[in-house]
C-alpha atoms as a PDB file:
ATOM      1  CA  MET A   1       0.000   0.000   0.000  1.00  0.00           C
ATOM      2  CA  SER A   2       1.497   3.331  -1.061  1.00  0.00           C
ATOM      3  CA  SER A   3       1.220   5.382   2.102  1.00  0.00           C
ATOM      4  CA  THR A   4       4.783   6.689   1.980  1.00  0.00           C
ATOM      5  CA  TYR A   5       5.772  10.097   0.597  1.00  0.00           C
ATOM      6  CA  GLY A   6       9.070  11.889  -0.003  1.00  0.00           C
ATOM      7  CA  ARG A   7      12.689  11.100  -0.753  1.00  0.00           C
ATOM      8  CA  ASP A   8      15.117  12.898   1.530  1.00  0.00           C
ATOM      9  CA  LEU A   9      12.268  13.431   3.982  1.00  0.00           C
ATOM     10  CA  ARG A  10      10.122  10.293   4.050  1.00  0.00           C
ATOM     11  CA  ILE A  11       6.828   9.962   5.874  1.00  0.00           C
ATOM     12  CA  THR A  12       4.780   6.790   6.228  1.00  0.00           C
ATOM     13  CA  ILE A  13       1.205   7.086   7.485  1.00  0.00           C
ATOM     14  CA  PHE A  14      -0.460   4.105   9.164  1.00  0.00           C
ATOM     15  CA  GLY A  15      -3.746   3.147  10.819  1.00  0.00           C
ATOM     16  CA  GLN A  16      -7.456   3.209  10.041  1.00  0.00           C
ATOM     17  CA  SER A  17     -10.212   5.639  10.931  1.00  0.00           C
ATOM     18  CA  HIS A  18     -11.617   3.383  13.671  1.00  0.00           C
ATOM     19  CA  ALA A  19      -8.420   1.538  14.622  1.00  0.00           C
ATOM     20  CA  PRO A  20      -7.074   1.991  18.166  1.00  0.00           C
ATOM     21  CA  ALA A  21      -4.647   4.576  16.796  1.00  0.00           C
ATOM     22  CA  ILE A  22      -3.350   6.259  13.666  1.00  0.00           C
ATOM     23  CA  GLY A  23       0.128   7.620  13.193  1.00  0.00           C
ATOM     24  CA  VAL A  24       3.151   8.572  11.141  1.00  0.00           C
ATOM     25  CA  THR A  25       6.837   7.699  10.935  1.00  0.00           C
ATOM     26  CA  ILE A  26       9.133  10.477   9.715  1.00  0.00           C
ATOM     27  CA  GLU A  27      12.613   9.737   8.380  1.00  0.00           C
ATOM     28  CA  GLY A  28      15.227  12.272   7.308  1.00  0.00           C
ATOM     29  CA  LEU A  29      15.130  14.771  10.168  1.00  0.00           C
ATOM     30  CA  ARG A  30      18.644  15.454  11.378  1.00  0.00           C
ATOM     31  CA  SER A  31      19.447  15.507  15.082  1.00  0.00           C
ATOM     32  CA  GLY A  32      19.167  18.629  17.208  1.00  0.00           C
ATOM     33  CA  LEU A  33      16.007  20.106  15.676  1.00  0.00           C
ATOM     34  CA  ARG A  34      13.685  21.544  18.305  1.00  0.00           C
ATOM     35  CA  VAL A  35       9.979  20.797  17.950  1.00  0.00           C
ATOM     36  CA  ASP A  36       7.508  23.095  19.697  1.00  0.00           C
ATOM     37  CA  THR A  37       4.893  20.562  20.760  1.00  0.00           C
ATOM     38  CA  GLU A  38       2.468  23.218  22.019  1.00  0.00           C
ATOM     39  CA  ALA A  39       2.546  24.992  18.658  1.00  0.00           C
ATOM     40  CA  LEU A  40       2.119  21.641  16.923  1.00  0.00           C
ATOM     41  CA  GLU A  41      -0.936  20.763  19.022  1.00  0.00           C
ATOM     42  CA  SER A  42      -2.421  24.195  18.298  1.00  0.00           C
ATOM     43  CA  PHE A  43      -1.948  23.553  14.570  1.00  0.00           C
ATOM     44  CA  LEU A  44      -3.543  20.097  14.834  1.00  0.00           C
ATOM     45  CA  ALA A  45      -6.544  21.600  16.661  1.00  0.00           C
ATOM     46  CA  ARG A  46      -7.455  23.478  13.464  1.00  0.00           C
ATOM     47  CA  ARG A  47      -7.993  20.133  11.722  1.00  0.00           C
ATOM     48  CA  ALA A  48      -9.403  18.149  14.653  1.00  0.00           C
ATOM     49  CA  PRO A  49     -13.060  17.026  14.537  1.00  0.00           C
ATOM     50  CA  GLY A  50     -15.775  18.268  16.857  1.00  0.00           C
ATOM     51  CA  ARG A  51     -14.485  21.829  17.201  1.00  0.00           C
ATOM     52  CA  ALA A  52     -17.116  23.766  15.229  1.00  0.00           C
ATOM     53  CA  ALA A  53     -20.834  23.736  14.444  1.00  0.00           C
ATOM     54  CA  TYR A  54     -20.135  22.920  10.784  1.00  0.00           C
ATOM     55  CA  ALA A  55     -17.867  19.948  11.633  1.00  0.00           C
ATOM     56  CA  THR A  56     -18.548  16.311  12.433  1.00  0.00           C
ATOM     57  CA  ALA A  57     -19.766  15.582  15.957  1.00  0.00           C
ATOM     58  CA  ARG A  58     -16.980  13.020  16.385  1.00  0.00           C
ATOM     59  CA  ARG A  59     -14.624  14.520  18.945  1.00  0.00           C
ATOM     60  CA  GLU A  60     -10.976  13.498  19.198  1.00  0.00           C
ATOM     61  CA  THR A  61      -8.208  15.164  21.190  1.00  0.00           C
ATOM     62  CA  ASP A  62      -5.749  14.601  18.325  1.00  0.00           C
ATOM     63  CA  LYS A  63      -2.810  14.987  20.678  1.00  0.00           C
ATOM     64  CA  PRO A  64       0.262  13.281  19.188  1.00  0.00           C
ATOM     65  CA  GLU A  65       2.170  10.815  21.334  1.00  0.00           C
ATOM     66  CA  PHE A  66       5.809  10.579  20.234  1.00  0.00           C
ATOM     67  CA  LEU A  67       7.089   7.036  20.658  1.00  0.00           C
ATOM     68  CA  CYS A  68      10.621   7.659  19.442  1.00  0.00           C
ATOM     69  CA  GLY A  69      12.866  10.092  17.585  1.00  0.00           C
ATOM     70  CA  ILE A  70      12.151  13.109  19.820  1.00  0.00           C
ATOM     71  CA  VAL A  71      13.488  13.433  23.364  1.00  0.00           C
ATOM     72  CA  ASN A  72      12.784  16.521  25.469  1.00  0.00           C
ATOM     73  CA  GLY A  73      11.405  18.269  22.391  1.00  0.00           C
ATOM     74  CA  VAL A  74      14.536  17.720  20.271  1.00  0.00           C
ATOM     75  CA  THR A  75      15.007  15.304  17.356  1.00  0.00           C
ATOM     76  CA  THR A  76      17.524  12.528  17.920  1.00  0.00           C
ATOM     77  CA  GLY A  77      18.368  11.972  14.247  1.00  0.00           C
ATOM     78  CA  THR A  78      16.618   8.592  14.166  1.00  0.00           C
ATOM     79  CA  PRO A  79      13.115   7.988  12.736  1.00  0.00           C
ATOM     80  CA  VAL A  80      10.349   9.872  14.509  1.00  0.00           C
ATOM     81  CA  THR A  81       7.148   7.934  15.162  1.00  0.00           C
ATOM     82  CA  ALA A  82       4.006   9.551  16.541  1.00  0.00           C
ATOM     83  CA  VAL A  83       0.592   8.045  17.206  1.00  0.00           C
ATOM     84  CA  ILE A  84      -2.805   9.632  17.799  1.00  0.00           C
ATOM     85  CA  ARG A  85      -5.243   7.537  19.804  1.00  0.00           C
ATOM     86  CA  ASN A  86      -8.767   7.143  18.430  1.00  0.00           C
ATOM     87  CA  THR A  87     -11.027   7.609  21.424  1.00  0.00           C
ATOM     88  CA  ASP A  88     -14.431   8.429  19.897  1.00  0.00           C
ATOM     89  CA  ALA A  89     -14.873   5.865  17.112  1.00  0.00           C
ATOM     90  CA  ARG A  90     -18.272   4.224  16.599  1.00  0.00           C
ATOM     91  CA  SER A  91     -17.817   1.370  14.146  1.00  0.00           C
ATOM     92  CA  GLY A  92     -21.398   0.224  14.711  1.00  0.00           C
ATOM     93  CA  ASP A  93     -22.584   3.196  12.654  1.00  0.00           C
ATOM     94  CA  TYR A  94     -21.260   1.404   9.558  1.00  0.00           C
ATOM     95  CA  ALA A  95     -22.618  -2.115  10.172  1.00  0.00           C
ATOM     96  CA  ALA A  96     -25.669  -1.551   7.942  1.00  0.00           C
ATOM     97  CA  LEU A  97     -23.426  -0.378   5.089  1.00  0.00           C
ATOM     98  CA  LEU A  98     -21.468  -3.629   4.839  1.00  0.00           C
ATOM     99  CA  HIS A  99     -21.358  -4.730   1.181  1.00  0.00           C
ATOM    100  CA  LYS A 100     -23.320  -1.617   0.178  1.00  0.00           C
ATOM    101  CA  PRO A 101     -20.707   0.891  -1.030  1.00  0.00           C
ATOM    102  CA  ARG A 102     -21.398   4.555  -0.306  1.00  0.00           C
ATOM    103  CA  PRO A 103     -21.456   6.684  -3.484  1.00  0.00           C
ATOM    104  CA  GLY A 104     -18.469   9.025  -3.632  1.00  0.00           C
ATOM    105  CA  HIS A 105     -16.441   6.933  -1.158  1.00  0.00           C
ATOM    106  CA  ALA A 106     -13.704   4.356  -1.729  1.00  0.00           C
ATOM    107  CA  ASP A 107     -15.860   1.554  -0.316  1.00  0.00           C
ATOM    108  CA  TYR A 108     -16.300  -0.123  -3.713  1.00  0.00           C
ATOM    109  CA  THR A 109     -12.777   0.335  -5.043  1.00  0.00           C
ATOM    110  CA  GLY A 110     -11.336  -0.682  -1.673  1.00  0.00           C
ATOM    111  CA  TRP A 111     -13.479  -3.830  -1.705  1.00  0.00           C
ATOM    112  CA  VAL A 112     -12.323  -4.669  -5.244  1.00  0.00           C
ATOM    113  CA  LYS A 113      -8.693  -4.352  -4.173  1.00  0.00           C
ATOM    114  CA  TYR A 114      -8.768  -5.804  -0.639  1.00  0.00           C
ATOM    115  CA  GLY A 115     -11.970  -7.820  -0.459  1.00  0.00           C
ATOM    116  CA  ASP A 116     -13.776  -8.504   2.799  1.00  0.00           C
ATOM    117  CA  ALA A 117     -10.458  -8.389   4.694  1.00  0.00           C
ATOM    118  CA  GLY A 118     -10.370  -4.598   4.369  1.00  0.00           C
ATOM    119  CA  ASP A 119     -11.381  -2.389   7.301  1.00  0.00           C
ATOM    120  CA  PHE A 120     -13.811   0.176   5.900  1.00  0.00           C
ATOM    121  CA  ALA A 121     -15.396   1.423   9.136  1.00  0.00           C
ATOM    122  CA  GLY A 122     -15.367   5.206   8.918  1.00  0.00           C
ATOM    123  CA  GLY A 123     -13.571   4.890   5.587  1.00  0.00           C
ATOM    124  CA  GLY A 124     -10.686   2.870   7.044  1.00  0.00           C
ATOM    125  CA  HIS A 125      -7.312   3.893   5.615  1.00  0.00           C
ATOM    126  CA  PHE A 126      -9.111   5.930   2.938  1.00  0.00           C
ATOM    127  CA  SER A 127     -10.642   8.238   5.545  1.00  0.00           C
ATOM    128  CA  GLY A 128      -9.956  11.917   5.971  1.00  0.00           C
ATOM    129  CA  ARG A 129      -9.039  10.880   9.507  1.00  0.00           C
ATOM    130  CA  MET A 130      -5.641   9.939   8.070  1.00  0.00           C
ATOM    131  CA  THR A 131      -4.877  13.618   7.478  1.00  0.00           C
ATOM    132  CA  ALA A 132      -4.277  13.972  11.229  1.00  0.00           C
ATOM    133  CA  PRO A 133      -0.887  12.200  11.079  1.00  0.00           C
ATOM    134  CA  LEU A 134      -0.198  14.058   7.826  1.00  0.00           C
ATOM    135  CA  CYS A 135      -0.624  17.263   9.823  1.00  0.00           C
ATOM    136  CA  VAL A 136       1.732  15.993  12.531  1.00  0.00           C
ATOM    137  CA  ALA A 137       4.535  15.601   9.982  1.00  0.00           C
ATOM    138  CA  GLY A 138       3.572  18.747   8.071  1.00  0.00           C
ATOM    139  CA  GLY A 139       3.215  20.764  11.261  1.00  0.00           C
ATOM    140  CA  ILE A 140       6.801  19.916  12.227  1.00  0.00           C
ATOM    141  CA  CYS A 141       7.995  20.924   8.752  1.00  0.00           C
ATOM    142  CA  LEU A 142       6.099  24.224   9.010  1.00  0.00           C
ATOM    143  CA  GLN A 143       8.148  25.048  12.110  1.00  0.00           C
ATOM    144  CA  LEU A 144      11.426  24.101  10.409  1.00  0.00           C
ATOM    145  CA  LEU A 145      10.579  26.125   7.301  1.00  0.00           C
ATOM    146  CA  GLU A 146       9.773  29.245   9.339  1.00  0.00           C
ATOM    147  CA  ARG A 147      13.293  29.103  10.743  1.00  0.00           C
ATOM    148  CA  GLU A 148      14.487  29.210   7.125  1.00  0.00           C
ATOM    149  CA  GLY A 149      12.378  32.302   6.451  1.00  0.00           C
ATOM    150  CA  ILE A 150       9.770  30.296   4.518  1.00  0.00           C
ATOM    151  CA  ARG A 151       6.107  30.775   5.446  1.00  0.00           C
ATOM    152  CA  VAL A 152       2.905  29.118   4.295  1.00  0.00           C
ATOM    153  CA  TRP A 153      -0.437  30.926   3.988  1.00  0.00           C
ATOM    154  CA  SER A 154      -3.759  29.524   2.879  1.00  0.00           C
ATOM    155  CA  HIS A 155      -7.346  30.672   2.841  1.00  0.00           C
ATOM    156  CA  ILE A 156     -10.788  29.554   1.741  1.00  0.00           C
ATOM    157  CA  ALA A 157     -11.446  30.951  -1.712  1.00  0.00           C
ATOM    158  CA  SER A 158     -14.954  29.537  -1.963  1.00  0.00           C
ATOM    159  CA  ILE A 159     -17.504  27.221  -0.401  1.00  0.00           C
ATOM    160  CA  GLY A 160     -20.236  26.105  -2.741  1.00  0.00           C
ATOM    161  CA  SER A 161     -21.252  29.174  -4.739  1.00  0.00           C
ATOM    162  CA  VAL A 162     -20.048  31.637  -2.076  1.00  0.00           C
ATOM    163  CA  LYS A 163     -16.721  33.159  -3.086  1.00  0.00           C
ATOM    164  CA  ASP A 164     -14.234  35.231  -1.142  1.00  0.00           C
ATOM    165  CA  GLU A 165     -14.182  38.523  -2.998  1.00  0.00           C
ATOM    166  CA  GLY A 166     -11.039  39.751  -1.236  1.00  0.00           C
ATOM    167  CA  GLU A 167      -7.926  40.124  -3.382  1.00  0.00           C
ATOM    168  CA  TRP A 168      -5.398  37.329  -2.885  1.00  0.00           C
ATOM    169  CA  PRO A 169      -1.990  39.062  -3.035  1.00  0.00           C
ATOM    170  CA  SER A 170       0.056  38.706  -6.192  1.00  0.00           C
ATOM    171  CA  ALA A 171       3.795  38.078  -6.268  1.00  0.00           C
ATOM    172  CA  GLY A 172       4.396  41.788  -5.786  1.00  0.00           C
ATOM    173  CA  ALA A 173       2.790  41.600  -2.337  1.00  0.00           C
ATOM    174  CA  ALA A 174       4.875  38.638  -1.169  1.00  0.00           C
ATOM    175  CA  GLY A 175       6.350  40.553   1.752  1.00  0.00           C
ATOM    176  CA  LYS A 176       2.954  41.522   3.139  1.00  0.00           C
ATOM    177  CA  GLU A 177       0.602  39.634   5.394  1.00  0.00           C
ATOM    178  CA  PHE A 178      -1.982  37.653   3.500  1.00  0.00           C
ATOM    179  CA  PRO A 179      -5.581  38.631   4.184  1.00  0.00           C
ATOM    180  CA  THR A 180      -8.071  36.625   6.213  1.00  0.00           C
ATOM    181  CA  LEU A 181     -11.652  35.943   5.259  1.00  0.00           C
ATOM    182  CA  SER A 182     -13.978  38.841   6.048  1.00  0.00           C
ATOM    183  CA  GLU A 183     -16.581  38.281   8.771  1.00  0.00           C
ATOM    184  CA  GLU A 184     -19.361  38.964   6.283  1.00  0.00           C
ATOM    185  CA  ARG A 185     -18.100  36.403   3.753  1.00  0.00           C
ATOM    186  CA  GLU A 186     -17.421  33.841   6.481  1.00  0.00           C
ATOM    187  CA  ALA A 187     -20.995  34.277   7.744  1.00  0.00           C
ATOM    188  CA  GLU A 188     -22.318  33.644   4.220  1.00  0.00           C
ATOM    189  CA  MET A 189     -20.229  30.476   3.939  1.00  0.00           C
ATOM    190  CA  ARG A 190     -21.423  29.224   7.324  1.00  0.00           C
ATOM    191  CA  LYS A 191     -25.020  29.883   6.252  1.00  0.00           C
ATOM    192  CA  ALA A 192     -24.504  27.937   3.025  1.00  0.00           C
ATOM    193  CA  ILE A 193     -23.064  24.994   4.979  1.00  0.00           C
ATOM    194  CA  ALA A 194     -25.975  25.080   7.443  1.00  0.00           C
ATOM    195  CA  GLU A 195     -28.497  25.084   4.600  1.00  0.00           C
ATOM    196  CA  ALA A 196     -26.800  22.117   2.932  1.00  0.00           C
ATOM    197  CA  ARG A 197     -26.754  20.201   6.222  1.00  0.00           C
ATOM    198  CA  ALA A 198     -30.439  20.953   6.839  1.00  0.00           C
ATOM    199  CA  ALA A 199     -31.204  19.534   3.397  1.00  0.00           C
ATOM    200  CA  GLY A 200     -29.247  16.360   4.199  1.00  0.00           C
ATOM    201  CA  ASP A 201     -26.572  17.388   1.730  1.00  0.00           C
ATOM    202  CA  SER A 202     -23.010  18.736   1.659  1.00  0.00           C
ATOM    203  CA  LEU A 203     -20.761  21.310  -0.015  1.00  0.00           C
ATOM    204  CA  GLY A 204     -17.237  21.506  -1.417  1.00  0.00           C
ATOM    205  CA  GLY A 205     -14.993  24.454  -2.163  1.00  0.00           C
ATOM    206  CA  VAL A 206     -11.600  25.810  -3.143  1.00  0.00           C
ATOM    207  CA  ILE A 207      -8.568  26.511  -0.960  1.00  0.00           C
ATOM    208  CA  GLU A 208      -5.768  28.802  -2.152  1.00  0.00           C
ATOM    209  CA  CYS A 209      -2.267  28.504  -0.760  1.00  0.00           C
ATOM    210  CA  ALA A 210       0.990  30.445  -1.072  1.00  0.00           C
ATOM    211  CA  VAL A 211       4.467  29.525   0.150  1.00  0.00           C
ATOM    212  CA  VAL A 212       6.608  32.647   0.489  1.00  0.00           C
ATOM    213  CA  GLY A 213      10.380  32.786   0.889  1.00  0.00           C
ATOM    214  CA  VAL A 214      11.118  29.679  -1.178  1.00  0.00           C
ATOM    215  CA  PRO A 215      14.568  30.016  -2.813  1.00  0.00           C
ATOM    216  CA  ALA A 216      15.012  29.635  -6.548  1.00  0.00           C
ATOM    217  CA  GLY A 217      16.332  26.293  -7.779  1.00  0.00           C
ATOM    218  CA  LEU A 218      14.256  23.718  -5.875  1.00  0.00           C
ATOM    219  CA  GLY A 219      12.818  20.811  -7.857  1.00  0.00           C
ATOM    220  CA  ASP A 220      13.814  19.109 -11.086  1.00  0.00           C
ATOM    221  CA  PRO A 221      12.532  18.875 -14.654  1.00  0.00           C
ATOM    222  CA  MET A 222      10.142  16.246 -15.951  1.00  0.00           C
ATOM    223  CA  PHE A 223       8.909  13.865 -13.249  1.00  0.00           C
ATOM    224  CA  ASP A 224      10.344  15.320 -10.040  1.00  0.00           C
ATOM    225  CA  GLY A 225       9.357  18.948 -10.490  1.00  0.00           C
ATOM    226  CA  MET A 226       7.925  21.104  -7.750  1.00  0.00           C
ATOM    227  CA  GLU A 227       4.434  20.732  -9.225  1.00  0.00           C
ATOM    228  CA  ASN A 228       4.859  16.949  -9.201  1.00  0.00           C
ATOM    229  CA  ARG A 229       6.037  16.930  -5.580  1.00  0.00           C
ATOM    230  CA  LEU A 230       3.200  19.168  -4.424  1.00  0.00           C
ATOM    231  CA  ALA A 231       0.502  17.369  -6.403  1.00  0.00           C
ATOM    232  CA  ALA A 232       1.588  13.961  -5.079  1.00  0.00           C
ATOM    233  CA  VAL A 233       1.136  14.945  -1.445  1.00  0.00           C
ATOM    234  CA  LEU A 234      -1.902  17.192  -2.011  1.00  0.00           C
ATOM    235  CA  PHE A 235      -3.788  14.315  -3.616  1.00  0.00           C
ATOM    236  CA  GLY A 236      -3.035  12.352  -0.450  1.00  0.00           C
ATOM    237  CA  ILE A 237      -5.771  14.494   1.103  1.00  0.00           C
ATOM    238  CA  PRO A 238      -8.810  12.301   0.283  1.00  0.00           C
ATOM    239  CA  ALA A 239     -11.224  15.126  -0.604  1.00  0.00           C
ATOM    240  CA  VAL A 240      -8.901  16.903  -3.081  1.00  0.00           C
ATOM    241  CA  LYS A 241     -10.017  16.433  -6.695  1.00  0.00           C
ATOM    242  CA  GLY A 242      -8.085  19.155  -8.501  1.00  0.00           C
ATOM    243  CA  VAL A 243      -4.885  21.180  -8.222  1.00  0.00           C
ATOM    244  CA  GLU A 244      -3.811  24.177 -10.293  1.00  0.00           C
ATOM    245  CA  PHE A 245      -0.657  26.266 -10.098  1.00  0.00           C
ATOM    246  CA  GLY A 246      -0.508  30.010 -10.663  1.00  0.00           C
ATOM    247  CA  ALA A 247      -3.015  31.039 -13.323  1.00  0.00           C
ATOM    248  CA  GLY A 248      -3.842  27.360 -13.766  1.00  0.00           C
ATOM    249  CA  PHE A 249      -6.644  26.628 -16.233  1.00  0.00           C
ATOM    250  CA  ALA A 250      -7.178  30.343 -16.798  1.00  0.00           C
ATOM    251  CA  ALA A 251      -3.844  30.362 -18.647  1.00  0.00           C
ATOM    252  CA  ALA A 252      -5.455  28.339 -21.416  1.00  0.00           C
ATOM    253  CA  ALA A 253      -7.535  31.394 -22.359  1.00  0.00           C
ATOM    254  CA  MET A 254      -4.583  33.815 -22.261  1.00  0.00           C
ATOM    255  CA  ARG A 255      -2.133  34.835 -24.927  1.00  0.00           C
ATOM    256  CA  GLY A 256       1.548  34.242 -24.313  1.00  0.00           C
ATOM    257  CA  SER A 257       2.072  37.965 -23.876  1.00  0.00           C
ATOM    258  CA  GLU A 258      -0.476  37.913 -21.044  1.00  0.00           C
ATOM    259  CA  ASN A 259       0.619  34.708 -19.337  1.00  0.00           C
ATOM    260  CA  ASN A 260       4.396  35.232 -19.464  1.00  0.00           C
ATOM    261  CA  ASP A 261       5.892  36.680 -16.279  1.00  0.00           C
ATOM    262  CA  ALA A 262       8.321  39.460 -17.165  1.00  0.00           C
ATOM    263  CA  PHE A 263      11.678  39.307 -15.357  1.00  0.00           C
ATOM    264  CA  ALA A 264      13.156  42.208 -13.405  1.00  0.00           C
ATOM    265  CA  VAL A 265      15.784  42.863 -10.726  1.00  0.00           C
ATOM    266  CA  GLU A 266      14.813  44.074  -7.255  1.00  0.00           C
ATOM    267  CA  ASN A 267      17.300  44.525  -4.417  1.00  0.00           C
ATOM    268  CA  GLY A 268      19.886  42.536  -6.333  1.00  0.00           C
ATOM    269  CA  ARG A 269      17.714  39.482  -7.020  1.00  0.00           C
ATOM    270  CA  VAL A 270      15.788  38.322 -10.057  1.00  0.00           C
ATOM    271  CA  VAL A 271      12.015  38.567  -9.664  1.00  0.00           C
ATOM    272  CA  THR A 272       9.013  38.447 -11.964  1.00  0.00           C
ATOM    273  CA  ARG A 273       6.496  41.269 -12.353  1.00  0.00           C
ATOM    274  CA  THR A 274       3.572  38.827 -12.188  1.00  0.00           C
ATOM    275  CA  ASN A 275       3.327  35.246 -11.003  1.00  0.00           C
ATOM    276  CA  HIS A 276       1.121  33.421 -13.471  1.00  0.00           C
ATOM    277  CA  SER A 277       3.563  30.486 -13.297  1.00  0.00           C
ATOM    278  CA  GLY A 278       2.865  30.040  -9.599  1.00  0.00           C
ATOM    279  CA  GLY A 279       6.565  30.394  -8.809  1.00  0.00           C
ATOM    280  CA  ILE A 280       7.596  27.343 -10.873  1.00  0.00           C
ATOM    281  CA  LEU A 281       9.158  27.105 -14.333  1.00  0.00           C
ATOM    282  CA  GLY A 282      10.285  23.788 -15.778  1.00  0.00           C
ATOM    283  CA  GLY A 283       9.520  22.112 -12.477  1.00  0.00           C
ATOM    284  CA  ILE A 284      12.018  24.377 -10.678  1.00  0.00           C
ATOM    285  CA  THR A 285      11.169  27.190  -8.267  1.00  0.00           C
ATOM    286  CA  THR A 286      11.768  30.738  -9.496  1.00  0.00           C
ATOM    287  CA  GLY A 287      12.157  32.315  -6.062  1.00  0.00           C
ATOM    288  CA  MET A 288       8.717  33.879  -6.287  1.00  0.00           C
ATOM    289  CA  PRO A 289       5.905  32.614  -4.013  1.00  0.00           C
ATOM    290  CA  LEU A 290       4.587  29.148  -4.781  1.00  0.00           C
ATOM    291  CA  GLU A 291       0.906  29.790  -5.474  1.00  0.00           C
ATOM    292  CA  PHE A 292      -1.626  27.039  -6.055  1.00  0.00           C
ATOM    293  CA  ALA A 293      -5.276  26.187  -5.462  1.00  0.00           C
ATOM    294  CA  VAL A 294      -6.987  22.910  -4.636  1.00  0.00           C
ATOM    295  CA  ALA A 295     -10.564  21.871  -5.352  1.00  0.00           C
ATOM    296  CA  VAL A 296     -12.212  20.013  -2.462  1.00  0.00           C
ATOM    297  CA  LYS A 297     -15.222  17.855  -3.290  1.00  0.00           C
ATOM    298  CA  PRO A 298     -18.454  17.859  -1.267  1.00  0.00           C
ATOM    299  CA  THR A 299     -18.405  15.394   1.627  1.00  0.00           C
ATOM    300  CA  PRO A 300     -19.771  12.156   0.094  1.00  0.00           C
ATOM    301  CA  SER A 301     -21.450  10.954   3.320  1.00  0.00           C
ATOM    302  CA  ILE A 302     -24.827  12.686   3.213  1.00  0.00           C
ATOM    303  CA  ALA A 303     -28.202  12.048   4.846  1.00  0.00           C
ATOM    304  CA  LYS A 304     -30.104  11.823   1.554  1.00  0.00           C
ATOM    305  CA  THR A 305     -31.085   8.344   0.351  1.00  0.00           C
ATOM    306  CA  GLN A 306     -28.758   7.259  -2.455  1.00  0.00           C
ATOM    307  CA  GLU A 307     -28.658   4.458  -5.005  1.00  0.00           C
ATOM    308  CA  THR A 308     -26.043   1.739  -4.694  1.00  0.00           C
ATOM    309  CA  VAL A 309     -25.704  -2.028  -5.155  1.00  0.00           C
ATOM    310  CA  ASP A 310     -25.497  -4.976  -2.788  1.00  0.00           C
ATOM    311  CA  LEU A 311     -22.141  -6.575  -3.575  1.00  0.00           C
ATOM    312  CA  ARG A 312     -23.332  -9.946  -2.265  1.00  0.00           C
ATOM    313  CA  THR A 313     -26.352 -10.220  -4.553  1.00  0.00           C
ATOM    314  CA  MET A 314     -25.262  -7.754  -7.269  1.00  0.00           C
ATOM    315  CA  GLU A 315     -28.750  -6.272  -7.076  1.00  0.00           C
ATOM    316  CA  PRO A 316     -29.740  -2.591  -6.839  1.00  0.00           C
ATOM    317  CA  ALA A 317     -30.043  -1.201  -3.330  1.00  0.00           C
ATOM    318  CA  GLU A 318     -30.562   2.071  -1.494  1.00  0.00           C
ATOM    319  CA  ILE A 319     -28.645   3.436   1.481  1.00  0.00           C
ATOM    320  CA  THR A 320     -28.952   6.279   3.923  1.00  0.00           C
ATOM    321  CA  VAL A 321     -25.606   7.068   5.487  1.00  0.00           C
ATOM    322  CA  GLY A 322     -25.739   7.505   9.240  1.00  0.00           C
ATOM    323  CA  GLY A 323     -22.851   8.283  11.537  1.00  0.00           C
ATOM    324  CA  ARG A 324     -21.148  11.629  12.084  1.00  0.00           C
ATOM    325  CA  HIS A 325     -19.825  13.577   9.121  1.00  0.00           C
ATOM    326  CA  ASP A 326     -18.809  17.088   8.103  1.00  0.00           C
ATOM    327  CA  PRO A 327     -21.388  18.819   5.883  1.00  0.00           C
ATOM    328  CA  CYS A 328     -18.369  20.618   4.398  1.00  0.00           C
ATOM    329  CA  ILE A 329     -14.787  19.427   4.799  1.00  0.00           C
ATOM    330  CA  VAL A 330     -13.206  22.639   3.436  1.00  0.00           C
ATOM    331  CA  PRO A 331     -12.571  24.515   6.730  1.00  0.00           C
ATOM    332  CA  ARG A 332     -10.811  21.522   8.302  1.00  0.00           C
ATOM    333  CA  ALA A 333      -8.886  20.839   5.083  1.00  0.00           C
ATOM    334  CA  VAL A 334      -7.104  24.224   5.182  1.00  0.00           C
ATOM    335  CA  PRO A 335      -4.371  23.124   7.643  1.00  0.00           C
ATOM    336  CA  CYS A 336      -4.052  19.853   5.705  1.00  0.00           C
ATOM    337  CA  VAL A 337      -3.150  21.825   2.581  1.00  0.00           C
ATOM    338  CA  GLU A 338      -0.611  23.845   4.559  1.00  0.00           C
ATOM    339  CA  ALA A 339       0.892  20.645   5.992  1.00  0.00           C
ATOM    340  CA  ALA A 340       1.120  19.066   2.547  1.00  0.00           C
ATOM    341  CA  ALA A 341       2.824  22.151   1.109  1.00  0.00           C
ATOM    342  CA  ALA A 342       5.332  22.197   3.978  1.00  0.00           C
ATOM    343  CA  LEU A 343       6.208  18.531   3.444  1.00  0.00           C
ATOM    344  CA  ALA A 344       6.823  18.994  -0.273  1.00  0.00           C
ATOM    345  CA  VAL A 345       8.917  22.144   0.147  1.00  0.00           C
ATOM    346  CA  TYR A 346      10.996  20.808   3.039  1.00  0.00           C
ATOM    347  CA  ASP A 347      11.724  17.574   1.160  1.00  0.00           C
ATOM    348  CA  ALA A 348      12.805  19.598  -1.899  1.00  0.00           C
ATOM    349  CA  LEU A 349      14.937  21.834   0.322  1.00  0.00           C
ATOM    350  CA  LEU A 350      16.737  18.803   1.762  1.00  0.00           C
ATOM    351  CA  ALA A 351      17.256  17.386  -1.733  1.00  0.00           C
ATOM    352  CA  ASP A 352      18.803  20.685  -2.877  1.00  0.00           C
ATOM    353  CA  ARG A 353      21.255  20.573   0.020  1.00  0.00           C
END
């Protein structure tokens, strides 16, 4: 099972949604690196379930327990392994769904690949629950990158049809603080989520992210470019269905004269006047902010009755998904995107060195 990411920094995620614990092993961290566990737990709390009205009612502490590799808050140079105990799992919620795959979930494809031996309670290893250990590893990398002068910002660009109308800074504003969602727009998004939940439905959205302070020269051409590295880990977030860099698909409607980023020199370094490339050319970072957006699908577990099949009889069937689920996964996916970006950039930074 391919649950390992990275080359110079390697992470392996293990566990299932309703297993006793989930966790991650991190290889490639040199000795002597200090990890602020309080800051890490604060970061994980942004992703943790049961913290907001629009989130699942499942409540987990999501406090990482480091089994090895970190002593007194400092890395030892050997592999770091952390586990997060699952304390509020209710596997019985999924008993009625056995052999009746939920539309939009990996129940069917997982059954094809692993048969009845697979653990699909709560989505098993396919669950968004597995982004918690991803955030443990990414949260550590966020701290290490900040010490290198590299910072990661992300924000919700849209939920359903409600869009953030604030201006996301271009490359020219890289030294400035990135804006937060306005109270008015956030209220509209919360209302849209509440309406979808009341209708037994769900919503998706778009998250935009920028990594500022990345040096030029990270990544490689062809199959190990910065886009490749980022996309590989971003698609490890189960709800992500699309990724675009810089102008993305909008570039297809531009002329070359519009899409090309003109070069200039500022304070002795090469910069570009715009950043339609998203800070990457030929798979290699330009030194401008890495800018990308991810499309997050609507949560597939909804209260509406849906059509499916009974895999035992191969006859049509209907299901109503019970249990506890987010009507919109976007708000809790924001730190996951930041964690994924940090992992990709830190691994590329190590490779460059």
